[in-house]
């Protein structure tokens, strides 16, 4: 069972594709999306679409993080190959998945997205389709008034 809206989010720390330790603050609006694997067609599509929206998210004050159970090297190669400009957090032991109650299937996270603000879950999207997901998350942020454009 994933974390429900209104739930306090855990403090997390993970390594990004550059080998840097990252600890998202979650006070400001944040999108934390879990995806199964680097370099698969659906995950590549989803990452590229989140990247296409990077400027809109940044202009609205929203941080975006992708998380999978792949390691730092895999994330680095994936980010470089696709020109991704946001952090991909490596979760090879599944600690972040566990902290956010994201189910693992064969060691891979189920596609789940959290919108977080003021250190609480605002919205959760489960078993999403990758195509158009970034756009719909951004539109929902605007529609709910969490961000202004």
N, C-alpha and C. Protein backbone atom coordinates (compact mmCIF):
# COMPACT_ATOMS: atom_id res chain seq x y z
N UNK A 1 0.84 -1.19 0.00
CA UNK A 1 0.00 0.00 0.00
C UNK A 1 0.89 1.25 0.00
N UNK A 2 0.75 2.09 -1.00
CA UNK A 2 1.57 3.29 -1.12
C UNK A 2 1.17 4.31 -0.06
N UNK A 3 2.02 5.31 0.15
CA UNK A 3 1.70 6.38 1.07
C UNK A 3 0.51 7.17 0.53
N UNK A 4 -0.42 7.46 1.39
CA UNK A 4 -1.65 8.16 0.99
C UNK A 4 -1.47 9.67 1.09
N UNK A 5 -2.25 10.45 0.31
CA UNK A 5 -2.22 11.91 0.46
C UNK A 5 -2.47 12.31 1.91
N UNK A 6 -1.69 13.30 2.36
CA UNK A 6 -1.77 13.77 3.74
C UNK A 6 -0.73 13.14 4.64
N UNK A 7 -0.10 12.06 4.18
CA UNK A 7 0.91 11.36 4.97
C UNK A 7 2.22 12.15 4.96
N UNK A 8 2.88 12.21 6.12
CA UNK A 8 4.22 12.79 6.18
C UNK A 8 5.17 11.91 5.37
N UNK A 9 6.09 12.55 4.63
CA UNK A 9 7.04 11.77 3.84
C UNK A 9 8.31 11.53 4.64
N UNK A 10 8.97 10.42 4.40
CA UNK A 10 10.21 10.14 5.10
C UNK A 10 11.36 11.00 4.55
N UNK A 11 12.35 11.19 5.39
CA UNK A 11 13.58 11.84 4.93
C UNK A 11 14.37 10.78 4.16
N UNK A 12 14.81 11.14 2.97
CA UNK A 12 15.58 10.19 2.18
C UNK A 12 16.90 10.82 1.74
N UNK A 13 17.83 9.95 1.44
CA UNK A 13 19.13 10.36 0.92
C UNK A 13 19.54 9.27 -0.06
N UNK A 14 20.00 9.70 -1.24
CA UNK A 14 20.42 8.73 -2.25
C UNK A 14 21.48 9.38 -3.13
N UNK A 15 22.10 8.57 -3.94
CA UNK A 15 23.13 9.05 -4.85
C UNK A 15 22.52 9.25 -6.23
N UNK A 16 22.83 10.40 -6.84
CA UNK A 16 22.31 10.68 -8.17
C UNK A 16 23.27 10.16 -9.25
N UNK A 17 22.92 10.43 -10.50
CA UNK A 17 23.69 9.92 -11.63
C UNK A 17 25.10 10.50 -11.72
N UNK A 18 25.37 11.58 -10.97
CA UNK A 18 26.70 12.19 -10.97
C UNK A 18 27.56 11.69 -9.80
N UNK A 19 26.99 10.79 -8.99
CA UNK A 19 27.71 10.28 -7.83
C UNK A 19 27.59 11.18 -6.61
N UNK A 20 26.72 12.19 -6.68
CA UNK A 20 26.53 13.11 -5.56
C UNK A 20 25.42 12.61 -4.63
N UNK A 21 25.64 12.79 -3.32
CA UNK A 21 24.59 12.46 -2.35
C UNK A 21 23.53 13.56 -2.42
N UNK A 22 22.27 13.15 -2.53
CA UNK A 22 21.16 14.08 -2.65
C UNK A 22 20.15 13.79 -1.54
N UNK A 23 19.70 14.84 -0.88
CA UNK A 23 18.65 14.70 0.13
C UNK A 23 17.57 15.73 -0.17
N UNK A 24 16.52 15.31 -0.92
CA UNK A 24 15.46 16.26 -1.25
C UNK A 24 14.81 16.80 0.02
N UNK A 25 14.48 18.11 0.00
CA UNK A 25 13.90 18.74 1.18
C UNK A 25 12.42 18.48 1.36
N UNK A 26 11.68 18.39 0.26
CA UNK A 26 10.24 18.11 0.27
C UNK A 26 9.40 19.20 0.91
N UNK A 27 9.99 20.34 1.26
CA UNK A 27 9.19 21.45 1.77
C UNK A 27 8.48 22.12 0.59
N UNK A 28 9.23 22.40 -0.46
CA UNK A 28 8.67 22.99 -1.68
C UNK A 28 8.06 21.87 -2.52
N UNK A 29 7.17 22.22 -3.45
CA UNK A 29 6.57 21.18 -4.29
C UNK A 29 7.63 20.33 -5.00
N UNK A 30 7.44 19.03 -4.93
CA UNK A 30 8.40 18.08 -5.49
C UNK A 30 7.64 16.94 -6.16
N UNK A 31 8.15 16.52 -7.32
CA UNK A 31 7.64 15.32 -7.99
C UNK A 31 8.72 14.25 -7.81
N UNK A 32 8.33 13.14 -7.22
CA UNK A 32 9.23 12.00 -7.02
C UNK A 32 8.59 10.84 -7.76
N UNK A 33 9.18 10.50 -8.92
CA UNK A 33 8.56 9.42 -9.69
C UNK A 33 9.45 8.20 -9.73
N UNK A 34 8.85 7.07 -9.43
CA UNK A 34 9.53 5.77 -9.43
C UNK A 34 9.22 5.09 -10.76
N UNK A 35 10.26 4.53 -11.38
CA UNK A 35 10.09 3.85 -12.66
C UNK A 35 10.87 2.53 -12.62
N UNK A 36 10.47 1.56 -13.44
CA UNK A 36 11.08 0.23 -13.34
C UNK A 36 12.57 0.14 -13.70
N UNK A 37 12.98 0.70 -14.84
CA UNK A 37 14.36 0.45 -15.27
C UNK A 37 14.83 1.47 -16.30
N UNK A 38 16.12 1.78 -16.23
CA UNK A 38 16.75 2.62 -17.24
C UNK A 38 16.74 1.90 -18.59
N UNK A 39 16.70 2.71 -19.65
CA UNK A 39 16.86 2.20 -21.02
C UNK A 39 15.80 1.22 -21.48
N UNK A 40 14.60 1.30 -20.94
CA UNK A 40 13.48 0.54 -21.49
C UNK A 40 12.59 1.54 -22.22
N UNK A 41 11.82 1.10 -23.20
CA UNK A 41 11.06 2.06 -24.00
C UNK A 41 10.13 2.96 -23.19
N UNK A 42 9.33 2.38 -22.29
CA UNK A 42 8.40 3.19 -21.50
C UNK A 42 9.10 4.15 -20.55
N UNK A 43 10.15 3.66 -19.91
CA UNK A 43 10.87 4.49 -18.94
C UNK A 43 11.63 5.61 -19.65
N UNK A 44 12.16 5.31 -20.83
CA UNK A 44 12.84 6.34 -21.61
C UNK A 44 11.84 7.42 -22.03
N UNK A 45 10.68 6.99 -22.51
CA UNK A 45 9.64 7.96 -22.90
C UNK A 45 9.25 8.84 -21.72
N UNK A 46 9.02 8.22 -20.56
CA UNK A 46 8.61 8.98 -19.39
C UNK A 46 9.69 9.98 -18.97
N UNK A 47 10.95 9.54 -18.92
CA UNK A 47 12.05 10.41 -18.53
C UNK A 47 12.21 11.57 -19.52
N UNK A 48 12.13 11.27 -20.81
CA UNK A 48 12.27 12.34 -21.82
C UNK A 48 11.14 13.35 -21.68
N UNK A 49 9.93 12.88 -21.38
CA UNK A 49 8.81 13.81 -21.24
C UNK A 49 8.94 14.64 -19.96
N UNK A 50 9.42 14.05 -18.87
CA UNK A 50 9.67 14.86 -17.68
C UNK A 50 10.75 15.90 -18.00
N UNK A 51 11.75 15.51 -18.77
CA UNK A 51 12.80 16.45 -19.13
C UNK A 51 12.25 17.59 -20.00
N UNK A 52 11.33 17.27 -20.91
CA UNK A 52 10.72 18.31 -21.74
C UNK A 52 9.99 19.34 -20.89
N UNK A 53 9.48 18.92 -19.74
CA UNK A 53 8.75 19.81 -18.85
C UNK A 53 9.65 20.41 -17.76
N UNK A 54 10.95 20.14 -17.80
CA UNK A 54 11.85 20.61 -16.74
C UNK A 54 11.74 22.11 -16.54
N UNK A 55 11.74 22.87 -17.61
CA UNK A 55 11.70 24.33 -17.46
C UNK A 55 10.39 24.79 -16.81
N UNK A 56 9.27 24.19 -17.24
CA UNK A 56 7.99 24.56 -16.63
C UNK A 56 7.97 24.21 -15.14
N UNK A 57 8.47 23.01 -14.80
CA UNK A 57 8.53 22.63 -13.40
C UNK A 57 9.42 23.60 -12.63
N UNK A 58 10.62 23.91 -13.17
CA UNK A 58 11.54 24.81 -12.48
C UNK A 58 10.93 26.20 -12.32
N UNK A 59 10.30 26.72 -13.38
CA UNK A 59 9.69 28.04 -13.31
C UNK A 59 8.59 28.09 -12.26
N UNK A 60 7.94 26.96 -12.02
CA UNK A 60 6.86 26.88 -11.02
C UNK A 60 7.41 26.54 -9.63
N UNK A 61 8.73 26.37 -9.52
CA UNK A 61 9.34 26.07 -8.22
C UNK A 61 9.22 24.62 -7.80
N UNK A 62 9.08 23.71 -8.77
CA UNK A 62 8.90 22.29 -8.49
C UNK A 62 10.18 21.52 -8.83
N UNK A 63 10.65 20.73 -7.88
CA UNK A 63 11.79 19.84 -8.13
C UNK A 63 11.27 18.51 -8.65
N UNK A 64 12.04 17.89 -9.55
CA UNK A 64 11.68 16.58 -10.10
C UNK A 64 12.84 15.61 -9.86
N UNK A 65 12.49 14.42 -9.37
CA UNK A 65 13.47 13.35 -9.17
C UNK A 65 12.89 12.06 -9.72
N UNK A 66 13.70 11.33 -10.48
CA UNK A 66 13.35 9.99 -10.92
C UNK A 66 14.07 8.99 -10.04
N UNK A 67 13.42 7.88 -9.73
CA UNK A 67 14.01 6.85 -8.87
C UNK A 67 13.78 5.48 -9.50
N UNK A 68 14.85 4.70 -9.58
CA UNK A 68 14.70 3.29 -9.94
C UNK A 68 15.73 2.49 -9.16
N UNK A 69 15.61 1.18 -9.24
CA UNK A 69 16.55 0.31 -8.52
C UNK A 69 17.85 0.12 -9.28
N UNK A 70 18.00 0.81 -10.41
CA UNK A 70 19.27 0.75 -11.14
C UNK A 70 20.33 1.53 -10.35
N UNK A 71 21.59 1.22 -10.62
CA UNK A 71 22.70 1.87 -9.92
C UNK A 71 23.12 3.18 -10.55
N UNK A 72 24.12 3.80 -9.93
CA UNK A 72 24.60 5.11 -10.35
C UNK A 72 25.11 5.08 -11.79
N UNK A 73 25.92 4.07 -12.14
CA UNK A 73 26.47 4.01 -13.51
C UNK A 73 25.37 3.89 -14.55
N UNK A 74 24.38 3.06 -14.28
CA UNK A 74 23.25 2.91 -15.20
C UNK A 74 22.52 4.23 -15.35
N UNK A 75 22.29 4.91 -14.23
CA UNK A 75 21.62 6.22 -14.27
C UNK A 75 22.45 7.23 -15.07
N UNK A 76 23.77 7.21 -14.85
CA UNK A 76 24.63 8.15 -15.57
C UNK A 76 24.53 7.92 -17.08
N UNK A 77 24.63 6.67 -17.49
CA UNK A 77 24.54 6.35 -18.92
C UNK A 77 23.18 6.72 -19.48
N UNK A 78 22.13 6.43 -18.74
CA UNK A 78 20.75 6.72 -19.16
C UNK A 78 20.54 8.23 -19.30
N UNK A 79 21.00 8.98 -18.29
CA UNK A 79 20.84 10.45 -18.32
C UNK A 79 21.63 11.06 -19.47
N UNK A 80 22.86 10.59 -19.68
CA UNK A 80 23.69 11.13 -20.77
C UNK A 80 23.10 10.79 -22.13
N UNK A 81 22.67 9.56 -22.31
CA UNK A 81 22.13 9.12 -23.60
C UNK A 81 20.86 9.88 -23.97
N UNK A 82 20.10 10.32 -22.96
CA UNK A 82 18.83 10.98 -23.22
C UNK A 82 18.82 12.47 -22.87
N UNK A 83 19.98 13.00 -22.50
CA UNK A 83 20.10 14.43 -22.21
C UNK A 83 19.23 14.89 -21.05
N UNK A 84 19.12 14.06 -20.03
CA UNK A 84 18.24 14.40 -18.90
C UNK A 84 18.91 15.43 -17.99
N UNK A 85 18.13 16.42 -17.57
CA UNK A 85 18.69 17.51 -16.78
C UNK A 85 18.23 17.49 -15.32
N UNK A 86 17.49 16.47 -14.91
CA UNK A 86 17.07 16.36 -13.51
C UNK A 86 17.74 15.16 -12.89
N UNK A 87 17.69 15.09 -11.56
CA UNK A 87 18.38 14.02 -10.83
C UNK A 87 17.64 12.69 -10.94
N UNK A 88 18.42 11.65 -11.21
CA UNK A 88 17.95 10.27 -11.12
C UNK A 88 18.60 9.69 -9.87
N UNK A 89 17.79 9.20 -8.96
CA UNK A 89 18.31 8.67 -7.69
C UNK A 89 18.42 7.16 -7.77
N UNK A 90 19.60 6.67 -7.43
CA UNK A 90 19.87 5.23 -7.47
C UNK A 90 19.34 4.58 -6.19
N UNK A 91 18.61 3.48 -6.37
CA UNK A 91 18.01 2.77 -5.23
C UNK A 91 18.21 1.26 -5.38
N UNK A 92 19.48 0.83 -5.56
CA UNK A 92 19.70 -0.60 -5.84
C UNK A 92 19.26 -1.54 -4.72
N UNK A 93 19.22 -1.06 -3.48
CA UNK A 93 18.77 -1.92 -2.38
C UNK A 93 17.26 -1.79 -2.14
N UNK A 94 16.61 -0.90 -2.86
CA UNK A 94 15.17 -0.73 -2.69
C UNK A 94 14.77 0.02 -1.43
N UNK A 95 15.71 0.77 -0.83
CA UNK A 95 15.40 1.51 0.41
C UNK A 95 14.38 2.62 0.19
N UNK A 96 14.52 3.34 -0.94
CA UNK A 96 13.56 4.42 -1.21
C UNK A 96 12.19 3.84 -1.53
N UNK A 97 12.19 2.75 -2.29
CA UNK A 97 10.92 2.08 -2.59
C UNK A 97 10.24 1.66 -1.30
N UNK A 98 11.01 1.10 -0.39
CA UNK A 98 10.45 0.66 0.89
C UNK A 98 9.93 1.86 1.69
N UNK A 99 10.70 2.94 1.73
CA UNK A 99 10.31 4.13 2.50
C UNK A 99 9.00 4.73 1.99
N UNK A 100 8.77 4.62 0.68
CA UNK A 100 7.56 5.17 0.08
C UNK A 100 6.51 4.10 -0.23
N UNK A 101 6.75 2.89 0.26
CA UNK A 101 5.81 1.78 0.05
C UNK A 101 5.51 1.52 -1.42
N UNK A 102 6.52 1.69 -2.26
CA UNK A 102 6.36 1.39 -3.69
C UNK A 102 6.65 -0.08 -3.90
N UNK A 103 5.71 -0.83 -4.44
CA UNK A 103 5.92 -2.26 -4.63
C UNK A 103 7.07 -2.56 -5.59
N UNK A 104 7.80 -3.61 -5.29
CA UNK A 104 8.84 -4.11 -6.18
C UNK A 104 8.34 -5.38 -6.85
N UNK A 105 8.54 -5.47 -8.14
CA UNK A 105 8.20 -6.67 -8.90
C UNK A 105 9.49 -7.14 -9.58
N UNK A 106 9.96 -8.31 -9.22
CA UNK A 106 11.23 -8.83 -9.72
C UNK A 106 12.37 -7.83 -9.52
N UNK A 107 12.38 -7.16 -8.37
CA UNK A 107 13.44 -6.22 -8.03
C UNK A 107 13.31 -4.86 -8.69
N UNK A 108 12.23 -4.62 -9.39
CA UNK A 108 12.01 -3.35 -10.08
C UNK A 108 10.81 -2.63 -9.47
N UNK A 109 10.93 -1.31 -9.34
CA UNK A 109 9.81 -0.57 -8.74
C UNK A 109 8.64 -0.49 -9.70
N UNK A 110 7.46 -0.55 -9.13
CA UNK A 110 6.26 -0.35 -9.92
C UNK A 110 6.16 1.15 -10.21
N UNK A 111 5.68 1.48 -11.39
CA UNK A 111 5.60 2.88 -11.80
C UNK A 111 4.62 3.62 -10.87
N UNK A 112 5.19 4.51 -10.03
CA UNK A 112 4.42 5.25 -9.04
C UNK A 112 5.00 6.66 -8.94
N UNK A 113 4.13 7.66 -8.89
CA UNK A 113 4.58 9.04 -8.78
C UNK A 113 3.94 9.70 -7.58
N UNK A 114 4.78 10.42 -6.83
CA UNK A 114 4.30 11.21 -5.70
C UNK A 114 4.49 12.68 -5.99
N UNK A 115 3.48 13.48 -5.63
CA UNK A 115 3.62 14.92 -5.57
C UNK A 115 3.66 15.24 -4.08
N UNK A 116 4.68 15.98 -3.68
CA UNK A 116 4.94 16.25 -2.27
C UNK A 116 5.08 17.76 -2.08
N UNK A 117 4.56 18.28 -0.99
CA UNK A 117 4.77 19.67 -0.60
C UNK A 117 4.62 19.76 0.91
N UNK A 118 5.38 20.66 1.51
CA UNK A 118 5.35 20.84 2.97
C UNK A 118 5.55 19.51 3.68
N UNK A 119 6.42 18.67 3.09
CA UNK A 119 6.83 17.38 3.65
C UNK A 119 5.68 16.39 3.81
N UNK A 120 4.63 16.58 2.99
CA UNK A 120 3.49 15.65 3.00
C UNK A 120 3.14 15.25 1.58
N UNK A 121 2.58 14.06 1.45
CA UNK A 121 2.10 13.60 0.16
C UNK A 121 0.87 14.43 -0.21
N UNK A 122 0.90 15.02 -1.39
CA UNK A 122 -0.23 15.80 -1.89
C UNK A 122 -1.06 14.94 -2.84
N UNK A 123 -0.38 14.17 -3.68
CA UNK A 123 -1.06 13.29 -4.64
C UNK A 123 -0.17 12.09 -4.92
N UNK A 124 -0.82 11.00 -5.31
CA UNK A 124 -0.08 9.80 -5.68
C UNK A 124 -0.74 9.23 -6.94
N UNK A 125 0.11 8.80 -7.85
CA UNK A 125 -0.33 8.19 -9.11
C UNK A 125 0.26 6.80 -9.15
N UNK A 126 -0.59 5.79 -9.27
CA UNK A 126 -0.12 4.41 -9.29
C UNK A 126 -0.34 3.80 -10.67
N UNK A 127 0.60 2.91 -11.05
CA UNK A 127 0.50 2.16 -12.31
C UNK A 127 0.17 3.06 -13.50
N UNK A 128 0.87 4.18 -13.56
CA UNK A 128 0.60 5.16 -14.62
C UNK A 128 1.17 4.69 -15.95
N UNK A 129 0.59 5.16 -17.02
CA UNK A 129 1.17 4.98 -18.34
C UNK A 129 2.23 6.06 -18.53
N UNK A 130 3.37 5.71 -19.11
CA UNK A 130 4.44 6.69 -19.23
C UNK A 130 4.16 7.84 -20.20
N UNK A 131 3.40 7.58 -21.26
CA UNK A 131 3.17 8.60 -22.28
C UNK A 131 2.17 9.63 -21.77
N UNK A 132 2.61 10.87 -21.67
CA UNK A 132 1.74 11.95 -21.23
C UNK A 132 1.69 12.16 -19.73
N UNK A 133 2.38 11.32 -18.97
CA UNK A 133 2.31 11.41 -17.51
C UNK A 133 2.90 12.72 -16.99
N UNK A 134 4.05 13.13 -17.51
CA UNK A 134 4.67 14.38 -17.04
C UNK A 134 3.73 15.56 -17.26
N UNK A 135 3.10 15.61 -18.42
CA UNK A 135 2.17 16.70 -18.73
C UNK A 135 0.98 16.68 -17.78
N UNK A 136 0.43 15.51 -17.52
CA UNK A 136 -0.75 15.45 -16.65
C UNK A 136 -0.39 15.81 -15.21
N UNK A 137 0.79 15.43 -14.74
CA UNK A 137 1.22 15.80 -13.39
C UNK A 137 1.35 17.33 -13.31
N UNK A 138 1.98 17.92 -14.31
CA UNK A 138 2.13 19.38 -14.29
C UNK A 138 0.77 20.07 -14.32
N UNK A 139 -0.11 19.61 -15.19
CA UNK A 139 -1.45 20.19 -15.27
C UNK A 139 -2.19 20.06 -13.95
N UNK A 140 -2.05 18.91 -13.28
CA UNK A 140 -2.69 18.72 -11.98
C UNK A 140 -2.14 19.69 -10.94
N UNK A 141 -0.83 19.94 -10.98
CA UNK A 141 -0.22 20.89 -10.05
C UNK A 141 -0.83 22.28 -10.23
N UNK A 142 -1.04 22.65 -11.48
CA UNK A 142 -1.64 23.95 -11.78
C UNK A 142 -3.12 23.96 -11.39
N UNK A 143 -3.86 22.91 -11.78
CA UNK A 143 -5.30 22.83 -11.51
C UNK A 143 -5.62 22.84 -10.02
N UNK A 144 -4.76 22.23 -9.22
CA UNK A 144 -5.00 22.18 -7.77
C UNK A 144 -4.53 23.45 -7.07
N UNK A 145 -3.85 24.33 -7.81
CA UNK A 145 -3.37 25.58 -7.23
C UNK A 145 -2.08 25.43 -6.45
N UNK A 146 -1.46 24.25 -6.53
CA UNK A 146 -0.20 24.05 -5.82
C UNK A 146 0.90 24.92 -6.41
N UNK A 147 0.83 25.16 -7.71
CA UNK A 147 1.77 26.04 -8.38
C UNK A 147 1.02 27.01 -9.28
N UNK A 148 1.67 28.12 -9.54
CA UNK A 148 1.12 29.11 -10.48
C UNK A 148 2.02 29.16 -11.70
N UNK A 149 1.42 29.39 -12.85
CA UNK A 149 2.24 29.49 -14.05
C UNK A 149 2.27 30.91 -14.55
